[in-house]
Amino acid sequence: MTALVRPYGGGGHSELGYGQNGQVSTSGQKATNAKRQDSTIEGELPPRERLVRAASRLFYYEGVRAIGVERLIAEAGVTKATFYRHFASKDDLVVAYLLTKDAYYKQVAEPLAAAHPPAEAIDLIFEAIAEHARERGFRGSPFMNAAAEYPDADHPIRGLVASHRDWIRSLFQDLLTRLGHADPESAAGALLMLYDGAMAAGYLDDSTAAHKTLLDAVRLIRSGG
């Protein structure tokens, strides 16, 4: 089964694992060592990359509006002059953060669409979403979260969110067209709504219980039912 790794900051490793009697398990110790290695590697990254990674963690877990430039600077370990050398404003960093997420989701979904028959590709994309939603720390779609904090529909960040959703819709419509669906445009819109709903439900509801319901709905739509 294809599964998304975390696209929202950090090294993507789980928290400490505990065995019987509260002792740290081997897998937990490996995760701890990996986190330390990630921290060392991240400290060696260029300042711009450290800022984007810090933004990915803080914006996703705490919200865009809640995080100020000073906090970002401290988290990334850079100076204020360095921050403004790379980003004219915090909004520019928000754009960079969302562009990394856009690229990440495309790196997951587009190879699935290219490598599998269309019906299987659609199912695998939603399987990946369902797995993603079950990960510890999942807080929904970074794009929907950002859109909620920028009410002005003409803001560049809202434009980036719209562009990401247009890509998802187009991906589904292309797969449905290849599948021979009678109305691929409408069905793609329905799959996009399921995608949005799966992201929200994965954060708010029992994601495991919602898994079967999601996939049943996907198969009903793609089959023209």
C-alpha atoms as a PDB file:
ATOM      1  CA  MET A   1       0.000   0.000   0.000  1.00  0.00           C
ATOM      2  CA  THR A   2       1.294   3.457  -0.860  1.00  0.00           C
ATOM      3  CA  ALA A   3       1.499   5.835   2.081  1.00  0.00           C
ATOM      4  CA  LEU A   4       2.335   9.475   2.342  1.00  0.00           C
ATOM      5  CA  VAL A   5       5.198  10.447   4.591  1.00  0.00           C
ATOM      6  CA  ARG A   6       4.691  13.558   6.635  1.00  0.00           C
ATOM      7  CA  PRO A   7       4.794  16.705   4.514  1.00  0.00           C
ATOM      8  CA  TYR A   8       4.395  19.035   7.475  1.00  0.00           C
ATOM      9  CA  GLY A   9       7.750  19.552   9.055  1.00  0.00           C
ATOM     10  CA  GLY A  10      10.282  17.636  11.061  1.00  0.00           C
ATOM     11  CA  GLY A  11      11.989  14.485  10.009  1.00  0.00           C
ATOM     12  CA  GLY A  12       8.824  12.430   9.724  1.00  0.00           C
ATOM     13  CA  HIS A  13       9.744  10.116  12.610  1.00  0.00           C
ATOM     14  CA  SER A  14       7.389   8.957  15.316  1.00  0.00           C
ATOM     15  CA  GLU A  15       7.672   9.811  18.975  1.00  0.00           C
ATOM     16  CA  LEU A  16       9.430   7.581  21.487  1.00  0.00           C
ATOM     17  CA  GLY A  17       8.109   4.031  21.457  1.00  0.00           C
ATOM     18  CA  TYR A  18       7.662   2.197  24.759  1.00  0.00           C
ATOM     19  CA  GLY A  19       7.776  -1.529  25.399  1.00  0.00           C
ATOM     20  CA  GLN A  20       6.529  -3.388  28.432  1.00  0.00           C
ATOM     21  CA  ASN A  21       7.029  -1.758  31.835  1.00  0.00           C
ATOM     22  CA  GLY A  22       7.545   1.605  30.173  1.00  0.00           C
ATOM     23  CA  GLN A  23      10.965   0.775  28.767  1.00  0.00           C
ATOM     24  CA  VAL A  24      12.025   2.409  25.532  1.00  0.00           C
ATOM     25  CA  SER A  25      11.651  -0.051  22.668  1.00  0.00           C
ATOM     26  CA  THR A  26      14.283  -0.643  20.019  1.00  0.00           C
ATOM     27  CA  SER A  27      12.155   1.123  17.421  1.00  0.00           C
ATOM     28  CA  GLY A  28      11.690   4.056  19.791  1.00  0.00           C
ATOM     29  CA  GLN A  29      15.436   4.343  20.334  1.00  0.00           C
ATOM     30  CA  LYS A  30      15.995   4.265  16.593  1.00  0.00           C
ATOM     31  CA  ALA A  31      13.470   7.066  16.181  1.00  0.00           C
ATOM     32  CA  THR A  32      15.265   9.120  18.849  1.00  0.00           C
ATOM     33  CA  ASN A  33      18.618   8.608  17.128  1.00  0.00           C
ATOM     34  CA  ALA A  34      17.080   9.528  13.792  1.00  0.00           C
ATOM     35  CA  LYS A  35      15.652  12.735  15.263  1.00  0.00           C
ATOM     36  CA  ARG A  36      19.085  13.718  16.546  1.00  0.00           C
ATOM     37  CA  GLN A  37      20.568  13.030  13.146  1.00  0.00           C
ATOM     38  CA  ASP A  38      17.833  15.112  11.487  1.00  0.00           C
ATOM     39  CA  SER A  39      18.576  18.022  13.842  1.00  0.00           C
ATOM     40  CA  THR A  40      22.267  17.873  12.980  1.00  0.00           C
ATOM     41  CA  ILE A  41      21.583  17.714   9.258  1.00  0.00           C
ATOM     42  CA  GLU A  42      19.037  20.541   9.410  1.00  0.00           C
ATOM     43  CA  GLY A  43      21.540  22.777  11.191  1.00  0.00           C
ATOM     44  CA  GLU A  44      23.857  22.359   8.215  1.00  0.00           C
ATOM     45  CA  LEU A  45      21.247  23.393   5.659  1.00  0.00           C
ATOM     46  CA  PRO A  46      21.294  26.802   3.939  1.00  0.00           C
ATOM     47  CA  PRO A  47      19.438  29.519   5.885  1.00  0.00           C
ATOM     48  CA  ARG A  48      16.549  29.717   3.403  1.00  0.00           C
ATOM     49  CA  GLU A  49      15.901  25.991   3.681  1.00  0.00           C
ATOM     50  CA  ARG A  50      16.027  26.169   7.480  1.00  0.00           C
ATOM     51  CA  LEU A  51      13.455  28.957   7.419  1.00  0.00           C
ATOM     52  CA  VAL A  52      11.111  26.985   5.153  1.00  0.00           C
ATOM     53  CA  ARG A  53      11.447  23.902   7.358  1.00  0.00           C
ATOM     54  CA  ALA A  54      10.782  25.927  10.494  1.00  0.00           C
ATOM     55  CA  ALA A  55       7.748  27.476   8.809  1.00  0.00           C
ATOM     56  CA  SER A  56       6.500  24.021   7.830  1.00  0.00           C
ATOM     57  CA  ARG A  57       6.522  22.889  11.442  1.00  0.00           C
ATOM     58  CA  LEU A  58       5.187  26.045  13.054  1.00  0.00           C
ATOM     59  CA  PHE A  59       2.589  27.065  10.471  1.00  0.00           C
ATOM     60  CA  TYR A  60       1.165  23.557  10.232  1.00  0.00           C
ATOM     61  CA  TYR A  61       0.949  22.815  13.946  1.00  0.00           C
ATOM     62  CA  GLU A  62       0.172  26.271  15.346  1.00  0.00           C
ATOM     63  CA  GLY A  63      -1.283  28.271  12.464  1.00  0.00           C
ATOM     64  CA  VAL A  64       0.102  30.996  10.224  1.00  0.00           C
ATOM     65  CA  ARG A  65      -1.274  34.006  12.073  1.00  0.00           C
ATOM     66  CA  ALA A  66      -0.090  32.713  15.453  1.00  0.00           C
ATOM     67  CA  ILE A  67       3.572  32.663  14.390  1.00  0.00           C
ATOM     68  CA  GLY A  68       5.589  35.864  14.132  1.00  0.00           C
ATOM     69  CA  VAL A  69       8.854  36.579  12.368  1.00  0.00           C
ATOM     70  CA  GLU A  70      10.825  36.541  15.624  1.00  0.00           C
ATOM     71  CA  ARG A  71       9.660  33.019  16.400  1.00  0.00           C
ATOM     72  CA  LEU A  72      10.576  31.858  12.901  1.00  0.00           C
ATOM     73  CA  ILE A  73      14.019  33.417  13.182  1.00  0.00           C
ATOM     74  CA  ALA A  74      14.648  31.734  16.529  1.00  0.00           C
ATOM     75  CA  GLU A  75      13.398  28.351  15.315  1.00  0.00           C
ATOM     76  CA  ALA A  76      15.536  28.464  12.161  1.00  0.00           C
ATOM     77  CA  GLY A  77      18.611  29.811  13.950  1.00  0.00           C
ATOM     78  CA  VAL A  78      19.114  32.767  11.604  1.00  0.00           C
ATOM     79  CA  THR A  79      19.345  36.533  12.012  1.00  0.00           C
ATOM     80  CA  LYS A  80      16.620  39.020  11.147  1.00  0.00           C
ATOM     81  CA  ALA A  81      18.801  40.365   8.335  1.00  0.00           C
ATOM     82  CA  THR A  82      19.086  36.845   6.918  1.00  0.00           C
ATOM     83  CA  PHE A  83      15.331  36.374   7.079  1.00  0.00           C
ATOM     84  CA  TYR A  84      14.634  39.549   5.107  1.00  0.00           C
ATOM     85  CA  ARG A  85      17.415  38.753   2.649  1.00  0.00           C
ATOM     86  CA  HIS A  86      15.404  35.700   1.583  1.00  0.00           C
ATOM     87  CA  PHE A  87      11.810  36.805   2.259  1.00  0.00           C
ATOM     88  CA  ALA A  88      10.448  40.332   1.957  1.00  0.00           C
ATOM     89  CA  SER A  89       7.638  39.476   4.388  1.00  0.00           C
ATOM     90  CA  LYS A  90       6.161  36.597   6.363  1.00  0.00           C
ATOM     91  CA  ASP A  91       3.569  36.134   3.622  1.00  0.00           C
ATOM     92  CA  ASP A  92       6.393  35.375   1.186  1.00  0.00           C
ATOM     93  CA  LEU A  93       7.527  32.607   3.536  1.00  0.00           C
ATOM     94  CA  VAL A  94       3.958  31.291   3.696  1.00  0.00           C
ATOM     95  CA  VAL A  95       4.002  31.059  -0.110  1.00  0.00           C
ATOM     96  CA  ALA A  96       7.320  29.187  -0.008  1.00  0.00           C
ATOM     97  CA  TYR A  97       5.938  26.819   2.635  1.00  0.00           C
ATOM     98  CA  LEU A  98       2.837  26.036   0.561  1.00  0.00           C
ATOM     99  CA  LEU A  99       4.880  25.573  -2.612  1.00  0.00           C
ATOM    100  CA  THR A 100       6.895  22.848  -0.872  1.00  0.00           C
ATOM    101  CA  LYS A 101       3.635  21.128   0.091  1.00  0.00           C
ATOM    102  CA  ASP A 102       2.277  21.477  -3.437  1.00  0.00           C
ATOM    103  CA  ALA A 103       5.440  19.901  -4.843  1.00  0.00           C
ATOM    104  CA  TYR A 104       5.302  17.136  -2.250  1.00  0.00           C
ATOM    105  CA  TYR A 105       1.718  16.090  -3.021  1.00  0.00           C
ATOM    106  CA  LYS A 106       2.490  16.107  -6.743  1.00  0.00           C
ATOM    107  CA  GLN A 107       5.517  13.883  -6.170  1.00  0.00           C
ATOM    108  CA  VAL A 108       3.215  11.359  -4.496  1.00  0.00           C
ATOM    109  CA  ALA A 109       0.135  11.482  -6.738  1.00  0.00           C
ATOM    110  CA  GLU A 110       1.509  12.005 -10.236  1.00  0.00           C
ATOM    111  CA  PRO A 111       3.664   8.839 -10.316  1.00  0.00           C
ATOM    112  CA  LEU A 112       0.629   6.833  -9.154  1.00  0.00           C
ATOM    113  CA  ALA A 113      -1.452   8.330 -11.952  1.00  0.00           C
ATOM    114  CA  ALA A 114       1.243   7.544 -14.516  1.00  0.00           C
ATOM    115  CA  ALA A 115       2.118   4.024 -13.384  1.00  0.00           C
ATOM    116  CA  HIS A 116      -1.314   2.437 -12.878  1.00  0.00           C
ATOM    117  CA  PRO A 117      -4.564   1.964 -14.788  1.00  0.00           C
ATOM    118  CA  PRO A 118      -6.875   4.914 -14.059  1.00  0.00           C
ATOM    119  CA  ALA A 119      -9.305   3.168 -11.694  1.00  0.00           C
ATOM    120  CA  GLU A 120      -6.450   1.696  -9.671  1.00  0.00           C
ATOM    121  CA  ALA A 121      -4.608   5.029  -9.654  1.00  0.00           C
ATOM    122  CA  ILE A 122      -7.640   6.853  -8.223  1.00  0.00           C
ATOM    123  CA  ASP A 123      -8.025   4.219  -5.507  1.00  0.00           C
ATOM    124  CA  LEU A 124      -4.312   4.344  -4.658  1.00  0.00           C
ATOM    125  CA  ILE A 125      -4.345   8.131  -4.362  1.00  0.00           C
ATOM    126  CA  PHE A 126      -7.208   7.956  -1.867  1.00  0.00           C
ATOM    127  CA  GLU A 127      -5.550   5.046  -0.058  1.00  0.00           C
ATOM    128  CA  ALA A 128      -2.524   7.283   0.360  1.00  0.00           C
ATOM    129  CA  ILE A 129      -4.709  10.088   1.726  1.00  0.00           C
ATOM    130  CA  ALA A 130      -6.326   7.690   4.205  1.00  0.00           C
ATOM    131  CA  GLU A 131      -2.909   6.480   5.397  1.00  0.00           C
ATOM    132  CA  HIS A 132      -1.705  10.071   5.649  1.00  0.00           C
ATOM    133  CA  ALA A 133      -4.692  11.008   7.805  1.00  0.00           C
ATOM    134  CA  ARG A 134      -3.878   8.237  10.284  1.00  0.00           C
ATOM    135  CA  GLU A 135      -0.395   9.558  11.000  1.00  0.00           C
ATOM    136  CA  ARG A 136       0.370  11.038  14.394  1.00  0.00           C
ATOM    137  CA  GLY A 137       0.363  14.812  14.196  1.00  0.00           C
ATOM    138  CA  PHE A 138      -1.950  15.043  11.194  1.00  0.00           C
ATOM    139  CA  ARG A 139      -3.876  18.325  11.293  1.00  0.00           C
ATOM    140  CA  GLY A 140      -5.678  18.359   7.984  1.00  0.00           C
ATOM    141  CA  SER A 141      -4.761  19.948   4.674  1.00  0.00           C
ATOM    142  CA  PRO A 142      -2.103  22.677   4.920  1.00  0.00           C
ATOM    143  CA  PHE A 143      -3.865  24.413   2.024  1.00  0.00           C
ATOM    144  CA  MET A 144      -7.313  24.452   3.627  1.00  0.00           C
ATOM    145  CA  ASN A 145      -5.761  25.533   6.914  1.00  0.00           C
ATOM    146  CA  ALA A 146      -3.983  28.443   5.218  1.00  0.00           C
ATOM    147  CA  ALA A 147      -7.097  29.448   3.263  1.00  0.00           C
ATOM    148  CA  ALA A 148      -9.034  29.720   6.535  1.00  0.00           C
ATOM    149  CA  GLU A 149      -6.520  32.309   7.749  1.00  0.00           C
ATOM    150  CA  TYR A 150      -6.632  34.444   4.593  1.00  0.00           C
ATOM    151  CA  PRO A 151     -10.258  35.502   3.979  1.00  0.00           C
ATOM    152  CA  ASP A 152      -9.412  37.779   1.032  1.00  0.00           C
ATOM    153  CA  ALA A 153     -10.030  35.635  -2.057  1.00  0.00           C
ATOM    154  CA  ASP A 154      -7.693  37.889  -4.078  1.00  0.00           C
ATOM    155  CA  HIS A 155      -4.714  37.369  -1.761  1.00  0.00           C
ATOM    156  CA  PRO A 156      -1.754  35.573  -3.423  1.00  0.00           C
ATOM    157  CA  ILE A 157      -1.921  32.805  -0.818  1.00  0.00           C
ATOM    158  CA  ARG A 158      -5.553  32.114  -1.700  1.00  0.00           C
ATOM    159  CA  GLY A 159      -4.455  32.054  -5.336  1.00  0.00           C
ATOM    160  CA  LEU A 160      -1.876  29.404  -4.519  1.00  0.00           C
ATOM    161  CA  VAL A 161      -4.483  27.345  -2.653  1.00  0.00           C
ATOM    162  CA  ALA A 162      -6.814  27.602  -5.659  1.00  0.00           C
ATOM    163  CA  SER A 163      -4.015  26.545  -7.996  1.00  0.00           C
ATOM    164  CA  HIS A 164      -3.313  23.465  -5.864  1.00  0.00           C
ATOM    165  CA  ARG A 165      -6.975  22.469  -5.877  1.00  0.00           C
ATOM    166  CA  ASP A 166      -7.181  23.039  -9.644  1.00  0.00           C
ATOM    167  CA  TRP A 167      -4.292  20.600 -10.054  1.00  0.00           C
ATOM    168  CA  ILE A 168      -6.111  17.960  -7.972  1.00  0.00           C
ATOM    169  CA  ARG A 169      -9.314  18.441  -9.985  1.00  0.00           C
ATOM    170  CA  SER A 170      -7.421  18.201 -13.291  1.00  0.00           C
ATOM    171  CA  LEU A 171      -5.586  15.075 -12.144  1.00  0.00           C
ATOM    172  CA  PHE A 172      -8.863  13.352 -11.293  1.00  0.00           C
ATOM    173  CA  GLN A 173     -10.559  14.546 -14.475  1.00  0.00           C
ATOM    174  CA  ASP A 174      -7.727  13.181 -16.612  1.00  0.00           C
ATOM    175  CA  LEU A 175      -7.886   9.800 -14.856  1.00  0.00           C
ATOM    176  CA  LEU A 176     -11.674   9.657 -15.205  1.00  0.00           C
ATOM    177  CA  THR A 177     -11.445  10.562 -18.897  1.00  0.00           C
ATOM    178  CA  ARG A 178      -8.942   7.753 -19.432  1.00  0.00           C
ATOM    179  CA  LEU A 179     -11.321   5.473 -17.557  1.00  0.00           C
ATOM    180  CA  GLY A 180     -14.135   6.358 -19.972  1.00  0.00           C
ATOM    181  CA  HIS A 181     -16.385   7.975 -17.365  1.00  0.00           C
ATOM    182  CA  ALA A 182     -19.563   9.471 -18.833  1.00  0.00           C
ATOM    183  CA  ASP A 183     -19.099  12.825 -17.077  1.00  0.00           C
ATOM    184  CA  PRO A 184     -15.463  13.166 -15.984  1.00  0.00           C
ATOM    185  CA  GLU A 185     -15.725  16.876 -15.166  1.00  0.00           C
ATOM    186  CA  SER A 186     -18.571  16.496 -12.658  1.00  0.00           C
ATOM    187  CA  ALA A 187     -17.090  13.310 -11.204  1.00  0.00           C
ATOM    188  CA  ALA A 188     -13.729  15.049 -10.747  1.00  0.00           C
ATOM    189  CA  GLY A 189     -15.483  17.802  -8.799  1.00  0.00           C
ATOM    190  CA  ALA A 190     -17.101  15.155  -6.606  1.00  0.00           C
ATOM    191  CA  LEU A 191     -13.746  13.464  -5.994  1.00  0.00           C
ATOM    192  CA  LEU A 192     -12.226  16.820  -5.083  1.00  0.00           C
ATOM    193  CA  MET A 193     -14.972  17.306  -2.488  1.00  0.00           C
ATOM    194  CA  LEU A 194     -14.198  13.842  -1.117  1.00  0.00           C
ATOM    195  CA  TYR A 195     -10.517  14.753  -1.010  1.00  0.00           C
ATOM    196  CA  ASP A 196     -11.279  17.912   0.978  1.00  0.00           C
ATOM    197  CA  GLY A 197     -13.623  15.997   3.266  1.00  0.00           C
ATOM    198  CA  ALA A 198     -11.097  13.219   3.840  1.00  0.00           C
ATOM    199  CA  MET A 199      -8.506  15.772   4.900  1.00  0.00           C
ATOM    200  CA  ALA A 200     -10.921  17.366   7.377  1.00  0.00           C
ATOM    201  CA  ALA A 201     -12.321  14.086   8.688  1.00  0.00           C
ATOM    202  CA  GLY A 202      -8.830  12.682   9.147  1.00  0.00           C
ATOM    203  CA  TYR A 203      -8.171  15.415  11.680  1.00  0.00           C
ATOM    204  CA  LEU A 204     -11.599  15.715  13.311  1.00  0.00           C
ATOM    205  CA  ASP A 205     -12.963  12.153  13.245  1.00  0.00           C
ATOM    206  CA  ASP A 206     -11.816   8.585  13.733  1.00  0.00           C
ATOM    207  CA  SER A 207      -9.763   8.251  10.560  1.00  0.00           C
ATOM    208  CA  THR A 208      -9.659   4.462  10.740  1.00  0.00           C
ATOM    209  CA  ALA A 209     -13.451   4.184  10.860  1.00  0.00           C
ATOM    210  CA  ALA A 210     -13.795   6.641   7.966  1.00  0.00           C
ATOM    211  CA  HIS A 211     -11.370   4.720   5.744  1.00  0.00           C
ATOM    212  CA  LYS A 212     -13.848   2.206   4.294  1.00  0.00           C
ATOM    213  CA  THR A 213     -16.574   4.821   3.853  1.00  0.00           C
ATOM    214  CA  LEU A 214     -14.155   7.026   1.922  1.00  0.00           C
ATOM    215  CA  LEU A 215     -13.004   4.277  -0.438  1.00  0.00           C
ATOM    216  CA  ASP A 216     -16.561   3.036  -1.025  1.00  0.00           C
ATOM    217  CA  ALA A 217     -17.584   6.569  -2.006  1.00  0.00           C
ATOM    218  CA  VAL A 218     -14.570   6.941  -4.314  1.00  0.00           C
ATOM    219  CA  ARG A 219     -15.410   3.698  -6.137  1.00  0.00           C
ATOM    220  CA  LEU A 220     -19.048   4.685  -6.470  1.00  0.00           C
ATOM    221  CA  ILE A 221     -18.135   8.005  -8.095  1.00  0.00           C
ATOM    222  CA  ARG A 222     -15.480   6.657 -10.436  1.00  0.00           C
ATOM    223  CA  SER A 223     -17.795   3.846 -11.572  1.00  0.00           C
ATOM    224  CA  GLY A 224     -20.504   6.344 -12.463  1.00  0.00           C
ATOM    225  CA  GLY A 225     -22.872   5.024  -9.796  1.00  0.00           C
END
